[in-house]
Amino acid sequence: MGTPERLDLCKPCAAEKSRQGVRLKTVSGRTEKITCAACGRRRFGRTYEAVNAEEKEDPKP
């Protein structure tokens, strides 16, 4: 498993990525004005570390 990718995402795009099976963990502590990496709009959002759910190793054999 590699290092997680950091993405600036607005709330609607973060919800959509989560539904697509991407695990998101917030990096910044507060919502700020960002340019979304997914839709390109200037909105309020956060920086997330994104990891695909399939890449995560299963701890049980």
PDB file of N, CA and C in Angstrom:
ATOM      1  N   MET A   1       0.847  -1.167   0.000  1.00  0.00           N
ATOM      2  CA  MET A   1       0.000   0.000   0.000  1.00  0.00           C
ATOM      3  C   MET A   1       0.892   1.229   0.000  1.00  0.00           C
ATOM      4  N   GLY A   2       0.668   2.145  -0.930  1.00  0.00           N
ATOM      5  CA  GLY A   2       1.483   3.337  -1.044  1.00  0.00           C
ATOM      6  C   GLY A   2       1.012   4.435  -0.111  1.00  0.00           C
ATOM      7  N   THR A   3       1.611   5.591  -0.279  1.00  0.00           N
ATOM      8  CA  THR A   3       1.190   6.734   0.526  1.00  0.00           C
ATOM      9  C   THR A   3      -0.134   7.259   0.010  1.00  0.00           C
ATOM     10  N   PRO A   4      -0.994   7.745   0.880  1.00  0.00           N
ATOM     11  CA  PRO A   4      -2.289   8.260   0.450  1.00  0.00           C
ATOM     12  C   PRO A   4      -2.136   9.527  -0.379  1.00  0.00           C
ATOM     13  N   GLU A   5      -3.038   9.706  -1.327  1.00  0.00           N
ATOM     14  CA  GLU A   5      -3.036  10.882  -2.179  1.00  0.00           C
ATOM     15  C   GLU A   5      -3.786  12.004  -1.468  1.00  0.00           C
ATOM     16  N   ARG A   6      -3.228  13.222  -1.484  1.00  0.00           N
ATOM     17  CA  ARG A   6      -3.890  14.373  -0.851  1.00  0.00           C
ATOM     18  C   ARG A   6      -4.693  15.125  -1.892  1.00  0.00           C
ATOM     19  N   LEU A   7      -5.971  15.344  -1.591  1.00  0.00           N
ATOM     20  CA  LEU A   7      -6.869  16.033  -2.505  1.00  0.00           C
ATOM     21  C   LEU A   7      -7.623  17.136  -1.783  1.00  0.00           C
ATOM     22  N   ASP A   8      -7.793  18.284  -2.440  1.00  0.00           N
ATOM     23  CA  ASP A   8      -8.676  19.334  -1.945  1.00  0.00           C
ATOM     24  C   ASP A   8     -10.041  19.082  -2.575  1.00  0.00           C
ATOM     25  N   LEU A   9     -11.032  18.759  -1.751  1.00  0.00           N
ATOM     26  CA  LEU A   9     -12.360  18.421  -2.268  1.00  0.00           C
ATOM     27  C   LEU A   9     -13.436  19.240  -1.581  1.00  0.00           C
ATOM     28  N   CYS A  10     -14.456  19.636  -2.367  1.00  0.00           N
ATOM     29  CA  CYS A  10     -15.630  20.273  -1.783  1.00  0.00           C
ATOM     30  C   CYS A  10     -16.514  19.166  -1.192  1.00  0.00           C
ATOM     31  N   LYS A  11     -17.470  19.553  -0.393  1.00  0.00           N
ATOM     32  CA  LYS A  11     -18.313  18.587   0.318  1.00  0.00           C
ATOM     33  C   LYS A  11     -19.069  17.639  -0.633  1.00  0.00           C
ATOM     34  N   PRO A  12     -19.721  18.163  -1.724  1.00  0.00           N
ATOM     35  CA  PRO A  12     -20.430  17.244  -2.623  1.00  0.00           C
ATOM     36  C   PRO A  12     -19.501  16.242  -3.313  1.00  0.00           C
ATOM     37  N   CYS A  13     -18.317  16.669  -3.712  1.00  0.00           N
ATOM     38  CA  CYS A  13     -17.374  15.754  -4.367  1.00  0.00           C
ATOM     39  C   CYS A  13     -16.801  14.741  -3.384  1.00  0.00           C
ATOM     40  N   ALA A  14     -16.590  15.154  -2.141  1.00  0.00           N
ATOM     41  CA  ALA A  14     -16.110  14.221  -1.118  1.00  0.00           C
ATOM     42  C   ALA A  14     -17.154  13.141  -0.850  1.00  0.00           C
ATOM     43  N   ALA A  15     -18.421  13.520  -0.822  1.00  0.00           N
ATOM     44  CA  ALA A  15     -19.489  12.540  -0.617  1.00  0.00           C
ATOM     45  C   ALA A  15     -19.570  11.577  -1.794  1.00  0.00           C
ATOM     46  N   GLU A  16     -19.401  12.082  -3.003  1.00  0.00           N
ATOM     47  CA  GLU A  16     -19.449  11.229  -4.195  1.00  0.00           C
ATOM     48  C   GLU A  16     -18.272  10.257  -4.225  1.00  0.00           C
ATOM     49  N   LYS A  17     -17.075  10.727  -3.899  1.00  0.00           N
ATOM     50  CA  LYS A  17     -15.901   9.843  -3.859  1.00  0.00           C
ATOM     51  C   LYS A  17     -16.086   8.753  -2.808  1.00  0.00           C
ATOM     52  N   SER A  18     -16.683   9.109  -1.677  1.00  0.00           N
ATOM     53  CA  SER A  18     -16.921   8.143  -0.622  1.00  0.00           C
ATOM     54  C   SER A  18     -17.882   7.048  -1.095  1.00  0.00           C
ATOM     55  N   ARG A  19     -18.909   7.444  -1.846  1.00  0.00           N
ATOM     56  CA  ARG A  19     -19.855   6.460  -2.393  1.00  0.00           C
ATOM     57  C   ARG A  19     -19.205   5.557  -3.428  1.00  0.00           C
ATOM     58  N   GLN A  20     -18.139   6.051  -4.085  1.00  0.00           N
ATOM     59  CA  GLN A  20     -17.441   5.270  -5.109  1.00  0.00           C
ATOM     60  C   GLN A  20     -16.444   4.284  -4.509  1.00  0.00           C
ATOM     61  N   GLY A  21     -16.306   4.279  -3.187  1.00  0.00           N
ATOM     62  CA  GLY A  21     -15.430   3.311  -2.533  1.00  0.00           C
ATOM     63  C   GLY A  21     -14.060   3.847  -2.178  1.00  0.00           C
ATOM     64  N   VAL A  22     -13.893   5.162  -2.180  1.00  0.00           N
ATOM     65  CA  VAL A  22     -12.622   5.767  -1.798  1.00  0.00           C
ATOM     66  C   VAL A  22     -12.719   6.169  -0.335  1.00  0.00           C
ATOM     67  N   ARG A  23     -11.740   5.741   0.458  1.00  0.00           N
ATOM     68  CA  ARG A  23     -11.732   6.115   1.866  1.00  0.00           C
ATOM     69  C   ARG A  23     -11.075   7.482   2.008  1.00  0.00           C
ATOM     70  N   LEU A  24     -11.779   8.391   2.681  1.00  0.00           N
ATOM     71  CA  LEU A  24     -11.288   9.753   2.849  1.00  0.00           C
ATOM     72  C   LEU A  24     -11.038  10.044   4.320  1.00  0.00           C
ATOM     73  N   LYS A  25      -9.887  10.620   4.599  1.00  0.00           N
ATOM     74  CA  LYS A  25      -9.539  11.028   5.958  1.00  0.00           C
ATOM     75  C   LYS A  25      -9.171  12.506   5.891  1.00  0.00           C
ATOM     76  N   THR A  26      -9.788  13.322   6.743  1.00  0.00           N
ATOM     77  CA  THR A  26      -9.519  14.754   6.703  1.00  0.00           C
ATOM     78  C   THR A  26      -8.119  15.058   7.219  1.00  0.00           C
ATOM     79  N   VAL A  27      -7.459  16.015   6.569  1.00  0.00           N
ATOM     80  CA  VAL A  27      -6.117  16.419   6.965  1.00  0.00           C
ATOM     81  C   VAL A  27      -6.171  17.758   7.682  1.00  0.00           C
ATOM     82  N   SER A  28      -6.829  18.729   7.068  1.00  0.00           N
ATOM     83  CA  SER A  28      -6.903  20.059   7.679  1.00  0.00           C
ATOM     84  C   SER A  28      -7.991  20.077   8.745  1.00  0.00           C
ATOM     85  N   GLY A  29      -7.842  20.944   9.715  1.00  0.00           N
ATOM     86  CA  GLY A  29      -8.764  20.985  10.829  1.00  0.00           C
ATOM     87  C   GLY A  29     -10.027  21.763  10.579  1.00  0.00           C
ATOM     88  N   ARG A  30     -10.058  22.597   9.516  1.00  0.00           N
ATOM     89  CA  ARG A  30     -11.236  23.417   9.309  1.00  0.00           C
ATOM     90  C   ARG A  30     -11.566  23.511   7.826  1.00  0.00           C
ATOM     91  N   THR A  31     -12.788  23.892   7.541  1.00  0.00           N
ATOM     92  CA  THR A  31     -13.233  24.086   6.172  1.00  0.00           C
ATOM     93  C   THR A  31     -12.716  25.434   5.680  1.00  0.00           C
ATOM     94  N   GLU A  32     -12.078  25.432   4.509  1.00  0.00           N
ATOM     95  CA  GLU A  32     -11.508  26.638   3.936  1.00  0.00           C
ATOM     96  C   GLU A  32     -11.960  26.789   2.493  1.00  0.00           C
ATOM     97  N   LYS A  33     -11.714  27.945   1.913  1.00  0.00           N
ATOM     98  CA  LYS A  33     -12.016  28.175   0.506  1.00  0.00           C
ATOM     99  C   LYS A  33     -10.921  27.500  -0.319  1.00  0.00           C
ATOM    100  N   ILE A  34     -11.284  26.508  -1.137  1.00  0.00           N
ATOM    101  CA  ILE A  34     -10.326  25.734  -1.925  1.00  0.00           C
ATOM    102  C   ILE A  34     -10.825  25.627  -3.361  1.00  0.00           C
ATOM    103  N   THR A  35      -9.959  25.220  -4.256  1.00  0.00           N
ATOM    104  CA  THR A  35     -10.358  24.850  -5.608  1.00  0.00           C
ATOM    105  C   THR A  35     -10.425  23.335  -5.617  1.00  0.00           C
ATOM    106  N   CYS A  36     -11.614  22.802  -5.875  1.00  0.00           N
ATOM    107  CA  CYS A  36     -11.849  21.359  -5.802  1.00  0.00           C
ATOM    108  C   CYS A  36     -11.047  20.628  -6.874  1.00  0.00           C
ATOM    109  N   ALA A  37     -10.386  19.531  -6.484  1.00  0.00           N
ATOM    110  CA  ALA A  37      -9.595  18.732  -7.412  1.00  0.00           C
ATOM    111  C   ALA A  37     -10.481  17.917  -8.347  1.00  0.00           C
ATOM    112  N   ALA A  38     -11.721  17.646  -7.964  1.00  0.00           N
ATOM    113  CA  ALA A  38     -12.601  16.821  -8.780  1.00  0.00           C
ATOM    114  C   ALA A  38     -13.404  17.648  -9.784  1.00  0.00           C
ATOM    115  N   CYS A  39     -14.046  18.726  -9.329  1.00  0.00           N
ATOM    116  CA  CYS A  39     -14.930  19.497 -10.211  1.00  0.00           C
ATOM    117  C   CYS A  39     -14.325  20.810 -10.696  1.00  0.00           C
ATOM    118  N   GLY A  40     -13.251  21.271 -10.045  1.00  0.00           N
ATOM    119  CA  GLY A  40     -12.582  22.493 -10.465  1.00  0.00           C
ATOM    120  C   GLY A  40     -13.233  23.780  -9.991  1.00  0.00           C
ATOM    121  N   ARG A  41     -14.290  23.693  -9.210  1.00  0.00           N
ATOM    122  CA  ARG A  41     -14.976  24.881  -8.707  1.00  0.00           C
ATOM    123  C   ARG A  41     -14.286  25.423  -7.470  1.00  0.00           C
ATOM    124  N   ARG A  42     -14.438  26.714  -7.248  1.00  0.00           N
ATOM    125  CA  ARG A  42     -13.900  27.361  -6.044  1.00  0.00           C
ATOM    126  C   ARG A  42     -15.004  27.346  -5.005  1.00  0.00           C
ATOM    127  N   ARG A  43     -14.854  26.473  -4.015  1.00  0.00           N
ATOM    128  CA  ARG A  43     -15.871  26.273  -2.987  1.00  0.00           C
ATOM    129  C   ARG A  43     -15.205  26.100  -1.631  1.00  0.00           C
ATOM    130  N   PHE A  44     -16.056  26.039  -0.612  1.00  0.00           N
ATOM    131  CA  PHE A  44     -15.552  25.683   0.711  1.00  0.00           C
ATOM    132  C   PHE A  44     -15.375  24.171   0.755  1.00  0.00           C
ATOM    133  N   GLY A  45     -14.237  23.725   1.275  1.00  0.00           N
ATOM    134  CA  GLY A  45     -13.955  22.301   1.358  1.00  0.00           C
ATOM    135  C   GLY A  45     -12.770  22.046   2.265  1.00  0.00           C
ATOM    136  N   ARG A  46     -12.275  20.829   2.219  1.00  0.00           N
ATOM    137  CA  ARG A  46     -11.163  20.401   3.068  1.00  0.00           C
ATOM    138  C   ARG A  46     -10.138  19.645   2.254  1.00  0.00           C
ATOM    139  N   THR A  47      -8.974  19.437   2.863  1.00  0.00           N
ATOM    140  CA  THR A  47      -7.951  18.584   2.283  1.00  0.00           C
ATOM    141  C   THR A  47      -8.140  17.186   2.857  1.00  0.00           C
ATOM    142  N   TYR A  48      -8.192  16.203   1.970  1.00  0.00           N
ATOM    143  CA  TYR A  48      -8.409  14.811   2.369  1.00  0.00           C
ATOM    144  C   TYR A  48      -7.246  13.949   1.914  1.00  0.00           C
ATOM    145  N   GLU A  49      -6.977  12.885   2.659  1.00  0.00           N
ATOM    146  CA  GLU A  49      -6.092  11.818   2.205  1.00  0.00           C
ATOM    147  C   GLU A  49      -6.999  10.725   1.654  1.00  0.00           C
ATOM    148  N   ALA A  50      -6.791  10.386   0.395  1.00  0.00           N
ATOM    149  CA  ALA A  50      -7.671   9.421  -0.276  1.00  0.00           C
ATOM    150  C   ALA A  50      -6.935   8.101  -0.496  1.00  0.00           C
ATOM    151  N   VAL A  51      -7.586   7.006  -0.120  1.00  0.00           N
ATOM    152  CA  VAL A  51      -7.070   5.654  -0.325  1.00  0.00           C
ATOM    153  C   VAL A  51      -8.200   4.809  -0.871  1.00  0.00           C
ATOM    154  N   ASN A  52      -7.955   4.100  -1.963  1.00  0.00           N
ATOM    155  CA  ASN A  52      -8.982   3.217  -2.507  1.00  0.00           C
ATOM    156  C   ASN A  52      -9.245   2.083  -1.526  1.00  0.00           C
ATOM    157  N   ALA A  53     -10.491   1.738  -1.349  1.00  0.00           N
ATOM    158  CA  ALA A  53     -10.865   0.695  -0.390  1.00  0.00           C
ATOM    159  C   ALA A  53     -10.295  -0.658  -0.802  1.00  0.00           C
ATOM    160  N   GLU A  54     -10.122  -0.897  -2.106  1.00  0.00           N
ATOM    161  CA  GLU A  54      -9.597  -2.181  -2.581  1.00  0.00           C
ATOM    162  C   GLU A  54      -8.118  -2.333  -2.246  1.00  0.00           C
ATOM    163  N   GLU A  55      -7.378  -1.204  -2.154  1.00  0.00           N
ATOM    164  CA  GLU A  55      -5.947  -1.262  -1.883  1.00  0.00           C
ATOM    165  C   GLU A  55      -5.640  -1.595  -0.436  1.00  0.00           C
ATOM    166  N   LYS A  56      -6.551  -1.310   0.462  1.00  0.00           N
ATOM    167  CA  LYS A  56      -6.306  -1.535   1.883  1.00  0.00           C
ATOM    168  C   LYS A  56      -6.202  -3.040   2.147  1.00  0.00           C
ATOM    169  N   GLU A  57      -5.181  -3.405   2.888  1.00  0.00           N
ATOM    170  CA  GLU A  57      -4.954  -4.826   3.178  1.00  0.00           C
ATOM    171  C   GLU A  57      -5.925  -5.311   4.242  1.00  0.00           C
ATOM    172  N   ASP A  58      -6.411  -6.532   4.091  1.00  0.00           N
ATOM    173  CA  ASP A  58      -7.312  -7.140   5.050  1.00  0.00           C
ATOM    174  C   ASP A  58      -6.478  -7.749   6.183  1.00  0.00           C
ATOM    175  N   PRO A  59      -6.688  -7.320   7.445  1.00  0.00           N
ATOM    176  CA  PRO A  59      -5.862  -7.850   8.534  1.00  0.00           C
ATOM    177  C   PRO A  59      -6.122  -9.324   8.832  1.00  0.00           C
ATOM    178  N   LYS A  60      -7.305  -9.836   8.507  1.00  0.00           N
ATOM    179  CA  LYS A  60      -7.603 -11.246   8.756  1.00  0.00           C
ATOM    180  C   LYS A  60      -7.270 -12.082   7.529  1.00  0.00           C
ATOM    181  N   PRO A  61      -6.621 -13.229   7.704  1.00  0.00           N
ATOM    182  CA  PRO A  61      -6.286 -14.072   6.531  1.00  0.00           C
ATOM    183  C   PRO A  61      -7.468 -14.821   5.984  1.00  0.00           C
TER     184      PRO A  61
END
